[in-house]
Amino acid sequence: MRNLLLFVCLFELLAAQTDDVDCYTYCESCLTTAQEIESILKKYTAESRRDVVEKLVSGAVCGTAPFHKNGQLSKENMKTSCKYLFDVHHEEFRTALLGREAERLDIAL
């Protein structure tokens, strides 16, 4: 999943960006967001996964991701880029995260 999220983020670097956030901040924000999503999803069962995914892609993860770990970048710029990524790529993130649920179901059957 992390590879898919990084691909979306790298694609975003080629597209238009907001004026106050540079490419490096987008990359770091995306990586931190992907790590946070993985750690959150590990805590939930398949039954509650859909609800959790919907909450995550609404941008809620942007408020909980540990952006403070990277002291070189502004926490506010990291949050701004995280929210921008979800605003622009909401459906891609949703499809990718829910797609993992279907893959696990096929393995279980």
C-alpha atoms as a PDB file:
ATOM      1  CA  MET A   1       0.000   0.000   0.000  1.00  0.00           C
ATOM      2  CA  ARG A   2       2.813   2.372   0.829  1.00  0.00           C
ATOM      3  CA  ASN A   3       4.098   2.050  -2.738  1.00  0.00           C
ATOM      4  CA  LEU A   4       0.713   3.042  -4.155  1.00  0.00           C
ATOM      5  CA  LEU A   5       0.490   6.038  -1.839  1.00  0.00           C
ATOM      6  CA  LEU A   6       4.009   7.120  -2.747  1.00  0.00           C
ATOM      7  CA  PHE A   7       3.141   6.799  -6.435  1.00  0.00           C
ATOM      8  CA  VAL A   8       0.129   9.061  -5.911  1.00  0.00           C
ATOM      9  CA  CYS A   9       2.340  11.519  -4.057  1.00  0.00           C
ATOM     10  CA  LEU A  10       5.041  11.508  -6.721  1.00  0.00           C
ATOM     11  CA  PHE A  11       2.403  12.037  -9.391  1.00  0.00           C
ATOM     12  CA  GLU A  12       1.141  14.964  -7.356  1.00  0.00           C
ATOM     13  CA  LEU A  13       4.586  16.556  -7.460  1.00  0.00           C
ATOM     14  CA  LEU A  14       4.256  16.870 -11.210  1.00  0.00           C
ATOM     15  CA  ALA A  15       0.836  18.482 -10.911  1.00  0.00           C
ATOM     16  CA  ALA A  16      -0.039  21.920  -9.595  1.00  0.00           C
ATOM     17  CA  GLN A  17       0.837  22.628  -5.995  1.00  0.00           C
ATOM     18  CA  THR A  18      -0.181  25.264  -3.556  1.00  0.00           C
ATOM     19  CA  ASP A  19       2.233  28.186  -3.422  1.00  0.00           C
ATOM     20  CA  ASP A  20       3.192  27.772   0.216  1.00  0.00           C
ATOM     21  CA  VAL A  21       4.310  24.114   0.086  1.00  0.00           C
ATOM     22  CA  ASP A  22       7.382  22.838  -1.762  1.00  0.00           C
ATOM     23  CA  CYS A  23       8.054  19.399  -3.300  1.00  0.00           C
ATOM     24  CA  TYR A  24      10.146  18.163  -0.380  1.00  0.00           C
ATOM     25  CA  THR A  25       7.361  18.941   2.079  1.00  0.00           C
ATOM     26  CA  TYR A  26       4.848  17.073  -0.081  1.00  0.00           C
ATOM     27  CA  CYS A  27       7.084  13.993  -0.150  1.00  0.00           C
ATOM     28  CA  GLU A  28       7.739  14.030   3.581  1.00  0.00           C
ATOM     29  CA  SER A  29       4.087  14.656   4.364  1.00  0.00           C
ATOM     30  CA  CYS A  30       2.973  11.819   2.115  1.00  0.00           C
ATOM     31  CA  LEU A  31       5.458   9.374   3.630  1.00  0.00           C
ATOM     32  CA  THR A  32       4.449  10.312   7.171  1.00  0.00           C
ATOM     33  CA  THR A  33       0.767  10.025   6.227  1.00  0.00           C
ATOM     34  CA  ALA A  34       1.287   6.578   4.661  1.00  0.00           C
ATOM     35  CA  GLN A  35       3.087   5.354   7.785  1.00  0.00           C
ATOM     36  CA  GLU A  36       0.316   6.695  10.016  1.00  0.00           C
ATOM     37  CA  ILE A  37      -2.390   5.047   7.879  1.00  0.00           C
ATOM     38  CA  GLU A  38      -0.595   1.698   8.083  1.00  0.00           C
ATOM     39  CA  SER A  39      -0.253   1.901  11.856  1.00  0.00           C
ATOM     40  CA  ILE A  40      -3.928   2.865  12.275  1.00  0.00           C
ATOM     41  CA  LEU A  41      -5.254   0.125   9.987  1.00  0.00           C
ATOM     42  CA  LYS A  42      -3.284  -2.574  11.834  1.00  0.00           C
ATOM     43  CA  LYS A  43      -5.410  -1.903  14.921  1.00  0.00           C
ATOM     44  CA  TYR A  44      -8.793  -2.604  13.300  1.00  0.00           C
ATOM     45  CA  THR A  45     -10.620  -5.725  12.211  1.00  0.00           C
ATOM     46  CA  ALA A  46     -12.041  -6.294   8.732  1.00  0.00           C
ATOM     47  CA  GLU A  47     -15.547  -5.509  10.020  1.00  0.00           C
ATOM     48  CA  SER A  48     -14.650  -1.987  11.084  1.00  0.00           C
ATOM     49  CA  ARG A  49     -12.145  -1.357   8.283  1.00  0.00           C
ATOM     50  CA  ARG A  50     -14.605   0.383   5.929  1.00  0.00           C
ATOM     51  CA  ASP A  51     -15.603   2.921   8.598  1.00  0.00           C
ATOM     52  CA  VAL A  52     -11.969   3.583   9.494  1.00  0.00           C
ATOM     53  CA  VAL A  53     -11.004   4.034   5.833  1.00  0.00           C
ATOM     54  CA  GLU A  54     -13.841   6.517   5.303  1.00  0.00           C
ATOM     55  CA  LYS A  55     -12.653   8.520   8.298  1.00  0.00           C
ATOM     56  CA  LEU A  56      -9.024   8.433   7.140  1.00  0.00           C
ATOM     57  CA  VAL A  57      -9.742   9.589   3.588  1.00  0.00           C
ATOM     58  CA  SER A  58     -11.868  12.427   4.917  1.00  0.00           C
ATOM     59  CA  GLY A  59      -8.554  13.923   6.038  1.00  0.00           C
ATOM     60  CA  ALA A  60      -8.804  12.987   9.713  1.00  0.00           C
ATOM     61  CA  VAL A  61      -5.359  11.380   9.544  1.00  0.00           C
ATOM     62  CA  CYS A  62      -3.866  14.812   8.780  1.00  0.00           C
ATOM     63  CA  GLY A  63      -4.674  15.840  12.345  1.00  0.00           C
ATOM     64  CA  THR A  64      -3.196  12.720  13.947  1.00  0.00           C
ATOM     65  CA  ALA A  65      -0.099  12.041  11.837  1.00  0.00           C
ATOM     66  CA  PRO A  66       3.135  12.649  13.754  1.00  0.00           C
ATOM     67  CA  PHE A  67       4.339  15.547  11.623  1.00  0.00           C
ATOM     68  CA  HIS A  68       6.270  16.873  14.622  1.00  0.00           C
ATOM     69  CA  LYS A  69       8.900  14.119  14.174  1.00  0.00           C
ATOM     70  CA  ASN A  70      10.418  16.001  11.268  1.00  0.00           C
ATOM     71  CA  GLY A  71      11.765  19.106  12.940  1.00  0.00           C
ATOM     72  CA  GLN A  72      13.115  20.556   9.687  1.00  0.00           C
ATOM     73  CA  LEU A  73       9.674  21.215   8.225  1.00  0.00           C
ATOM     74  CA  SER A  74       6.779  23.320   9.404  1.00  0.00           C
ATOM     75  CA  LYS A  75       4.060  21.211  11.015  1.00  0.00           C
ATOM     76  CA  GLU A  76       1.433  23.482   9.442  1.00  0.00           C
ATOM     77  CA  ASN A  77       2.896  23.051   5.942  1.00  0.00           C
ATOM     78  CA  MET A  78       2.939  19.285   6.455  1.00  0.00           C
ATOM     79  CA  LYS A  79      -0.734  19.347   7.500  1.00  0.00           C
ATOM     80  CA  THR A  80      -1.625  21.597   4.572  1.00  0.00           C
ATOM     81  CA  SER A  81       0.021  19.267   2.074  1.00  0.00           C
ATOM     82  CA  CYS A  82      -1.619  16.224   3.696  1.00  0.00           C
ATOM     83  CA  LYS A  83      -5.060  17.813   3.386  1.00  0.00           C
ATOM     84  CA  TYR A  84      -4.326  18.865  -0.179  1.00  0.00           C
ATOM     85  CA  LEU A  85      -3.358  15.307  -1.131  1.00  0.00           C
ATOM     86  CA  PHE A  86      -6.626  13.953   0.262  1.00  0.00           C
ATOM     87  CA  ASP A  87      -8.659  16.725  -1.367  1.00  0.00           C
ATOM     88  CA  VAL A  88      -7.166  16.005  -4.777  1.00  0.00           C
ATOM     89  CA  HIS A  89      -6.781  12.206  -4.546  1.00  0.00           C
ATOM     90  CA  HIS A  90      -9.613  11.266  -2.191  1.00  0.00           C
ATOM     91  CA  GLU A  91     -10.993   8.527  -4.438  1.00  0.00           C
ATOM     92  CA  GLU A  92      -7.584   6.981  -5.244  1.00  0.00           C
ATOM     93  CA  PHE A  93      -6.752   6.702  -1.547  1.00  0.00           C
ATOM     94  CA  ARG A  94     -10.186   5.262  -0.772  1.00  0.00           C
ATOM     95  CA  THR A  95      -9.949   2.665  -3.556  1.00  0.00           C
ATOM     96  CA  ALA A  96      -6.425   1.652  -2.553  1.00  0.00           C
ATOM     97  CA  LEU A  97      -7.281   1.256   1.131  1.00  0.00           C
ATOM     98  CA  LEU A  98     -10.537  -0.623   0.538  1.00  0.00           C
ATOM     99  CA  GLY A  99      -8.873  -2.754  -2.142  1.00  0.00           C
ATOM    100  CA  ARG A 100      -6.608  -4.283   0.482  1.00  0.00           C
ATOM    101  CA  GLU A 101      -9.695  -5.516   2.302  1.00  0.00           C
ATOM    102  CA  ALA A 102     -10.828  -7.426  -0.810  1.00  0.00           C
ATOM    103  CA  GLU A 103      -7.365  -8.964  -1.257  1.00  0.00           C
ATOM    104  CA  ARG A 104      -7.394 -10.271   2.300  1.00  0.00           C
ATOM    105  CA  LEU A 105     -10.890 -11.671   1.860  1.00  0.00           C
ATOM    106  CA  ASP A 106      -9.789 -13.654  -1.216  1.00  0.00           C
ATOM    107  CA  ILE A 107      -6.855 -15.098   0.738  1.00  0.00           C
ATOM    108  CA  ALA A 108      -9.106 -16.073   3.634  1.00  0.00           C
ATOM    109  CA  LEU A 109     -11.567 -17.873   1.346  1.00  0.00           C
END
